[in-house]
């Protein structure tokens, strides 16, 4: 039978290797996974590995909507009960930003940014060159600039978006305000 000679350094090396394996295995068993993005509603401060489950305030607003816009004053001519629009994530890394694209009517294709904070979707945008109103009286909508501000909120079921928009119609050449109105907007997620 062959005799194995182990000196003290060999024994220590084997012991260190065995302890490393135990430590490595125990750390991987205790690793907490979850949402590691502090901007998410379900941020887990104890998570060391992101598992892709982050949920952001904007998520409840994302989707296609069918609804209406009702202006009581100078812009009553744009009232419609067949307004369609889409809310999508913004183009950058800001998880609070969304893009609203109007998908029906004379302004179909117009897109502007908005910001989500909690249960509110805040709008502060300018839409240049929108052919919306016949300013010159020739029967053809003239390009105008629209300044849109205001907020809408999502209901508890996360289906109906409603709020008020302050809309100012401006002359694209001079920037002069031609008309202003407060318009109620409502949309149901499809």
C-alpha atoms as a PDB file:
ATOM      1  CA  UNK A   1       0.000   0.000   0.000  1.00  0.00           C
ATOM      2  CA  UNK A   2       1.244   3.422  -0.900  1.00  0.00           C
ATOM      3  CA  UNK A   3       1.755   5.966   1.853  1.00  0.00           C
ATOM      4  CA  UNK A   4       0.676   9.577   1.293  1.00  0.00           C
ATOM      5  CA  UNK A   5       2.781  12.283   2.860  1.00  0.00           C
ATOM      6  CA  UNK A   6       0.985  15.487   3.601  1.00  0.00           C
ATOM      7  CA  UNK A   7       2.838  18.384   5.037  1.00  0.00           C
ATOM      8  CA  UNK A   8       1.253  21.271   6.896  1.00  0.00           C
ATOM      9  CA  UNK A   9       1.062  23.547   3.844  1.00  0.00           C
ATOM     10  CA  UNK A  10      -0.767  20.846   1.825  1.00  0.00           C
ATOM     11  CA  UNK A  11      -3.292  20.340   4.613  1.00  0.00           C
ATOM     12  CA  UNK A  12      -3.896  24.090   4.893  1.00  0.00           C
ATOM     13  CA  UNK A  13      -4.301  24.402   1.121  1.00  0.00           C
ATOM     14  CA  UNK A  14      -6.869  21.576   1.026  1.00  0.00           C
ATOM     15  CA  UNK A  15      -8.717  23.102   4.002  1.00  0.00           C
ATOM     16  CA  UNK A  16      -8.777  26.548   2.403  1.00  0.00           C
ATOM     17  CA  UNK A  17     -10.124  25.074  -0.857  1.00  0.00           C
ATOM     18  CA  UNK A  18     -12.885  23.184   0.989  1.00  0.00           C
ATOM     19  CA  UNK A  19     -13.930  26.308   2.941  1.00  0.00           C
ATOM     20  CA  UNK A  20     -13.996  28.340  -0.285  1.00  0.00           C
ATOM     21  CA  UNK A  21     -16.428  25.883  -1.830  1.00  0.00           C
ATOM     22  CA  UNK A  22     -18.694  26.003   1.216  1.00  0.00           C
ATOM     23  CA  UNK A  23     -18.610  29.807   1.303  1.00  0.00           C
ATOM     24  CA  UNK A  24     -19.264  30.092  -2.456  1.00  0.00           C
ATOM     25  CA  UNK A  25     -22.218  27.716  -2.305  1.00  0.00           C
ATOM     26  CA  UNK A  26     -23.739  29.334   0.772  1.00  0.00           C
ATOM     27  CA  UNK A  27     -23.515  32.835  -0.770  1.00  0.00           C
ATOM     28  CA  UNK A  28     -25.238  31.772  -3.947  1.00  0.00           C
ATOM     29  CA  UNK A  29     -28.035  30.131  -1.954  1.00  0.00           C
ATOM     30  CA  UNK A  30     -28.661  33.351  -0.008  1.00  0.00           C
ATOM     31  CA  UNK A  31     -28.574  35.706  -3.013  1.00  0.00           C
ATOM     32  CA  UNK A  32     -31.681  37.897  -3.043  1.00  0.00           C
ATOM     33  CA  UNK A  33     -33.207  38.592  -6.443  1.00  0.00           C
ATOM     34  CA  UNK A  34     -35.791  41.234  -7.254  1.00  0.00           C
ATOM     35  CA  UNK A  35     -36.107  44.707  -8.721  1.00  0.00           C
ATOM     36  CA  UNK A  36     -32.868  46.641  -8.195  1.00  0.00           C
ATOM     37  CA  UNK A  37     -34.000  49.925  -9.819  1.00  0.00           C
ATOM     38  CA  UNK A  38     -34.681  52.543  -7.135  1.00  0.00           C
ATOM     39  CA  UNK A  39     -37.070  54.333  -9.555  1.00  0.00           C
ATOM     40  CA  UNK A  40     -39.439  51.349  -9.682  1.00  0.00           C
ATOM     41  CA  UNK A  41     -42.553  51.011  -7.553  1.00  0.00           C
ATOM     42  CA  UNK A  42     -41.451  47.538  -6.429  1.00  0.00           C
ATOM     43  CA  UNK A  43     -37.789  48.369  -5.674  1.00  0.00           C
ATOM     44  CA  UNK A  44     -36.213  45.803  -3.346  1.00  0.00           C
ATOM     45  CA  UNK A  45     -33.299  47.324  -1.426  1.00  0.00           C
ATOM     46  CA  UNK A  46     -32.135  43.860  -0.370  1.00  0.00           C
ATOM     47  CA  UNK A  47     -31.940  42.513  -3.936  1.00  0.00           C
ATOM     48  CA  UNK A  48     -28.442  42.083  -5.313  1.00  0.00           C
ATOM     49  CA  UNK A  49     -29.512  40.609  -8.656  1.00  0.00           C
ATOM     50  CA  UNK A  50     -32.202  42.124 -10.876  1.00  0.00           C
ATOM     51  CA  UNK A  51     -34.790  39.560 -11.968  1.00  0.00           C
ATOM     52  CA  UNK A  52     -36.567  41.725 -14.582  1.00  0.00           C
ATOM     53  CA  UNK A  53     -39.725  42.301 -12.515  1.00  0.00           C
ATOM     54  CA  UNK A  54     -39.448  46.085 -12.064  1.00  0.00           C
ATOM     55  CA  UNK A  55     -42.790  47.923 -12.303  1.00  0.00           C
ATOM     56  CA  UNK A  56     -42.856  51.663 -12.989  1.00  0.00           C
ATOM     57  CA  UNK A  57     -45.578  54.253 -12.364  1.00  0.00           C
ATOM     58  CA  UNK A  58     -45.817  54.847 -16.122  1.00  0.00           C
ATOM     59  CA  UNK A  59     -46.698  51.190 -16.838  1.00  0.00           C
ATOM     60  CA  UNK A  60     -50.364  51.660 -15.921  1.00  0.00           C
ATOM     61  CA  UNK A  61     -50.659  54.397 -18.583  1.00  0.00           C
ATOM     62  CA  UNK A  62     -49.158  52.442 -21.479  1.00  0.00           C
ATOM     63  CA  UNK A  63     -51.560  51.293 -24.192  1.00  0.00           C
ATOM     64  CA  UNK A  64     -54.117  52.335 -26.776  1.00  0.00           C
ATOM     65  CA  UNK A  65     -57.038  54.543 -25.716  1.00  0.00           C
ATOM     66  CA  UNK A  66     -60.422  55.437 -27.182  1.00  0.00           C
ATOM     67  CA  UNK A  67     -62.148  58.493 -25.781  1.00  0.00           C
ATOM     68  CA  UNK A  68     -63.179  62.086 -26.166  1.00  0.00           C
ATOM     69  CA  UNK A  69     -62.045  65.676 -25.908  1.00  0.00           C
ATOM     70  CA  UNK A  70     -64.531  68.378 -24.941  1.00  0.00           C
ATOM     71  CA  UNK A  71     -63.639  72.066 -25.035  1.00  0.00           C
ATOM     72  CA  UNK A  72     -66.255  74.460 -23.653  1.00  0.00           C
ATOM     73  CA  UNK A  73     -65.010  77.707 -25.174  1.00  0.00           C
ATOM     74  CA  UNK A  74     -63.063  78.951 -28.183  1.00  0.00           C
ATOM     75  CA  UNK A  75     -61.924  75.472 -29.261  1.00  0.00           C
ATOM     76  CA  UNK A  76     -65.335  73.776 -29.164  1.00  0.00           C
ATOM     77  CA  UNK A  77     -64.915  73.039 -32.883  1.00  0.00           C
ATOM     78  CA  UNK A  78     -62.339  70.323 -32.071  1.00  0.00           C
ATOM     79  CA  UNK A  79     -64.722  68.412 -29.769  1.00  0.00           C
ATOM     80  CA  UNK A  80     -64.985  64.744 -30.621  1.00  0.00           C
ATOM     81  CA  UNK A  81     -66.215  61.571 -28.991  1.00  0.00           C
ATOM     82  CA  UNK A  82     -63.947  59.419 -31.157  1.00  0.00           C
ATOM     83  CA  UNK A  83     -60.475  60.510 -30.036  1.00  0.00           C
ATOM     84  CA  UNK A  84     -57.871  57.753 -30.217  1.00  0.00           C
ATOM     85  CA  UNK A  85     -54.355  57.937 -28.859  1.00  0.00           C
ATOM     86  CA  UNK A  86     -51.490  55.738 -27.753  1.00  0.00           C
ATOM     87  CA  UNK A  87     -49.290  56.128 -24.689  1.00  0.00           C
ATOM     88  CA  UNK A  88     -45.860  54.489 -25.058  1.00  0.00           C
ATOM     89  CA  UNK A  89     -42.583  54.559 -23.090  1.00  0.00           C
ATOM     90  CA  UNK A  90     -40.347  57.543 -23.793  1.00  0.00           C
ATOM     91  CA  UNK A  91     -37.352  57.145 -26.067  1.00  0.00           C
ATOM     92  CA  UNK A  92     -34.683  57.739 -23.423  1.00  0.00           C
ATOM     93  CA  UNK A  93     -33.820  56.038 -20.174  1.00  0.00           C
ATOM     94  CA  UNK A  94     -36.160  58.196 -18.061  1.00  0.00           C
ATOM     95  CA  UNK A  95     -38.708  55.700 -16.703  1.00  0.00           C
ATOM     96  CA  UNK A  96     -41.129  58.557 -15.921  1.00  0.00           C
ATOM     97  CA  UNK A  97     -41.355  59.776 -19.509  1.00  0.00           C
ATOM     98  CA  UNK A  98     -44.017  58.692 -21.989  1.00  0.00           C
ATOM     99  CA  UNK A  99     -44.881  59.549 -25.574  1.00  0.00           C
ATOM    100  CA  UNK A 100     -48.484  60.340 -26.451  1.00  0.00           C
ATOM    101  CA  UNK A 101     -49.355  59.893 -30.118  1.00  0.00           C
ATOM    102  CA  UNK A 102     -52.719  61.040 -31.435  1.00  0.00           C
ATOM    103  CA  UNK A 103     -54.003  58.383 -33.830  1.00  0.00           C
ATOM    104  CA  UNK A 104     -57.213  59.955 -35.149  1.00  0.00           C
ATOM    105  CA  UNK A 105     -58.595  63.190 -36.529  1.00  0.00           C
ATOM    106  CA  UNK A 106     -56.875  66.141 -38.129  1.00  0.00           C
ATOM    107  CA  UNK A 107     -53.862  65.850 -35.823  1.00  0.00           C
ATOM    108  CA  UNK A 108     -53.277  62.097 -36.287  1.00  0.00           C
ATOM    109  CA  UNK A 109     -49.586  61.361 -35.956  1.00  0.00           C
ATOM    110  CA  UNK A 110     -48.849  64.273 -33.642  1.00  0.00           C
ATOM    111  CA  UNK A 111     -46.612  63.044 -30.834  1.00  0.00           C
ATOM    112  CA  UNK A 112     -45.559  64.778 -27.635  1.00  0.00           C
ATOM    113  CA  UNK A 113     -43.872  63.839 -24.394  1.00  0.00           C
ATOM    114  CA  UNK A 114     -45.465  63.624 -20.995  1.00  0.00           C
ATOM    115  CA  UNK A 115     -44.248  62.720 -17.535  1.00  0.00           C
ATOM    116  CA  UNK A 116     -45.752  60.290 -15.056  1.00  0.00           C
ATOM    117  CA  UNK A 117     -45.673  60.965 -11.349  1.00  0.00           C
ATOM    118  CA  UNK A 118     -47.594  58.471  -9.240  1.00  0.00           C
ATOM    119  CA  UNK A 119     -51.110  58.340 -10.661  1.00  0.00           C
ATOM    120  CA  UNK A 120     -50.804  61.499 -12.797  1.00  0.00           C
ATOM    121  CA  UNK A 121     -49.796  61.961 -16.401  1.00  0.00           C
ATOM    122  CA  UNK A 122     -48.525  65.533 -16.787  1.00  0.00           C
ATOM    123  CA  UNK A 123     -48.373  67.216 -20.189  1.00  0.00           C
ATOM    124  CA  UNK A 124     -46.365  70.323 -21.086  1.00  0.00           C
ATOM    125  CA  UNK A 125     -45.720  70.277 -24.812  1.00  0.00           C
ATOM    126  CA  UNK A 126     -45.752  72.329 -27.978  1.00  0.00           C
ATOM    127  CA  UNK A 127     -47.016  70.829 -31.213  1.00  0.00           C
ATOM    128  CA  UNK A 128     -45.753  72.967 -34.107  1.00  0.00           C
ATOM    129  CA  UNK A 129     -47.423  73.247 -37.498  1.00  0.00           C
ATOM    130  CA  UNK A 130     -50.638  71.368 -36.708  1.00  0.00           C
ATOM    131  CA  UNK A 131     -53.344  71.777 -39.395  1.00  0.00           C
ATOM    132  CA  UNK A 132     -56.264  72.066 -36.972  1.00  0.00           C
ATOM    133  CA  UNK A 133     -58.284  75.261 -37.494  1.00  0.00           C
ATOM    134  CA  UNK A 134     -59.244  77.345 -40.503  1.00  0.00           C
ATOM    135  CA  UNK A 135     -57.764  80.674 -39.432  1.00  0.00           C
ATOM    136  CA  UNK A 136     -57.753  82.350 -42.859  1.00  0.00           C
ATOM    137  CA  UNK A 137     -61.362  81.438 -43.712  1.00  0.00           C
ATOM    138  CA  UNK A 138     -60.526  79.618 -46.958  1.00  0.00           C
ATOM    139  CA  UNK A 139     -62.070  76.324 -45.823  1.00  0.00           C
ATOM    140  CA  UNK A 140     -58.676  74.621 -45.358  1.00  0.00           C
ATOM    141  CA  UNK A 141     -57.126  74.033 -41.903  1.00  0.00           C
ATOM    142  CA  UNK A 142     -54.087  76.273 -41.444  1.00  0.00           C
ATOM    143  CA  UNK A 143     -50.918  75.102 -39.691  1.00  0.00           C
ATOM    144  CA  UNK A 144     -50.842  76.469 -36.178  1.00  0.00           C
ATOM    145  CA  UNK A 145     -48.776  75.820 -33.072  1.00  0.00           C
ATOM    146  CA  UNK A 146     -50.528  74.212 -30.126  1.00  0.00           C
ATOM    147  CA  UNK A 147     -49.287  74.604 -26.573  1.00  0.00           C
ATOM    148  CA  UNK A 148     -50.752  71.849 -24.441  1.00  0.00           C
ATOM    149  CA  UNK A 149     -50.466  71.648 -20.665  1.00  0.00           C
ATOM    150  CA  UNK A 150     -52.361  69.943 -17.899  1.00  0.00           C
ATOM    151  CA  UNK A 151     -52.756  66.575 -16.270  1.00  0.00           C
ATOM    152  CA  UNK A 152     -54.798  63.417 -16.410  1.00  0.00           C
ATOM    153  CA  UNK A 153     -55.045  60.619 -13.887  1.00  0.00           C
ATOM    154  CA  UNK A 154     -55.788  56.918 -14.118  1.00  0.00           C
ATOM    155  CA  UNK A 155     -58.714  55.400 -12.240  1.00  0.00           C
ATOM    156  CA  UNK A 156     -58.154  52.706  -9.593  1.00  0.00           C
ATOM    157  CA  UNK A 157     -58.935  49.910 -12.073  1.00  0.00           C
ATOM    158  CA  UNK A 158     -56.223  51.336 -14.403  1.00  0.00           C
ATOM    159  CA  UNK A 159     -58.652  51.518 -17.324  1.00  0.00           C
ATOM    160  CA  UNK A 160     -59.946  55.114 -17.606  1.00  0.00           C
ATOM    161  CA  UNK A 161     -57.654  58.104 -18.030  1.00  0.00           C
ATOM    162  CA  UNK A 162     -59.258  61.505 -17.454  1.00  0.00           C
ATOM    163  CA  UNK A 163     -58.247  65.100 -16.835  1.00  0.00           C
ATOM    164  CA  UNK A 164     -58.076  68.620 -18.207  1.00  0.00           C
ATOM    165  CA  UNK A 165     -55.785  70.122 -20.807  1.00  0.00           C
ATOM    166  CA  UNK A 166     -55.047  73.817 -21.215  1.00  0.00           C
ATOM    167  CA  UNK A 167     -54.698  74.389 -24.950  1.00  0.00           C
ATOM    168  CA  UNK A 168     -53.375  77.577 -26.531  1.00  0.00           C
ATOM    169  CA  UNK A 169     -53.505  78.075 -30.303  1.00  0.00           C
ATOM    170  CA  UNK A 170     -50.581  80.192 -31.492  1.00  0.00           C
ATOM    171  CA  UNK A 171     -49.690  81.717 -34.825  1.00  0.00           C
ATOM    172  CA  UNK A 172     -46.622  79.887 -36.154  1.00  0.00           C
ATOM    173  CA  UNK A 173     -45.128  83.068 -37.589  1.00  0.00           C
ATOM    174  CA  UNK A 174     -45.588  85.556 -34.782  1.00  0.00           C
ATOM    175  CA  UNK A 175     -46.264  83.287 -31.805  1.00  0.00           C
ATOM    176  CA  UNK A 176     -49.341  85.398 -31.060  1.00  0.00           C
ATOM    177  CA  UNK A 177     -52.056  83.616 -29.097  1.00  0.00           C
ATOM    178  CA  UNK A 178     -55.123  83.169 -31.287  1.00  0.00           C
ATOM    179  CA  UNK A 179     -57.313  81.193 -28.872  1.00  0.00           C
ATOM    180  CA  UNK A 180     -57.176  79.372 -25.544  1.00  0.00           C
ATOM    181  CA  UNK A 181     -59.437  76.832 -23.893  1.00  0.00           C
ATOM    182  CA  UNK A 182     -59.586  74.277 -21.109  1.00  0.00           C
ATOM    183  CA  UNK A 183     -60.595  70.922 -22.560  1.00  0.00           C
ATOM    184  CA  UNK A 184     -61.694  67.817 -20.720  1.00  0.00           C
ATOM    185  CA  UNK A 185     -60.098  64.625 -22.001  1.00  0.00           C
ATOM    186  CA  UNK A 186     -61.114  61.056 -21.261  1.00  0.00           C
ATOM    187  CA  UNK A 187     -59.853  57.785 -22.654  1.00  0.00           C
ATOM    188  CA  UNK A 188     -60.592  54.132 -21.987  1.00  0.00           C
ATOM    189  CA  UNK A 189     -57.732  51.687 -22.382  1.00  0.00           C
ATOM    190  CA  UNK A 190     -58.433  49.180 -25.136  1.00  0.00           C
END
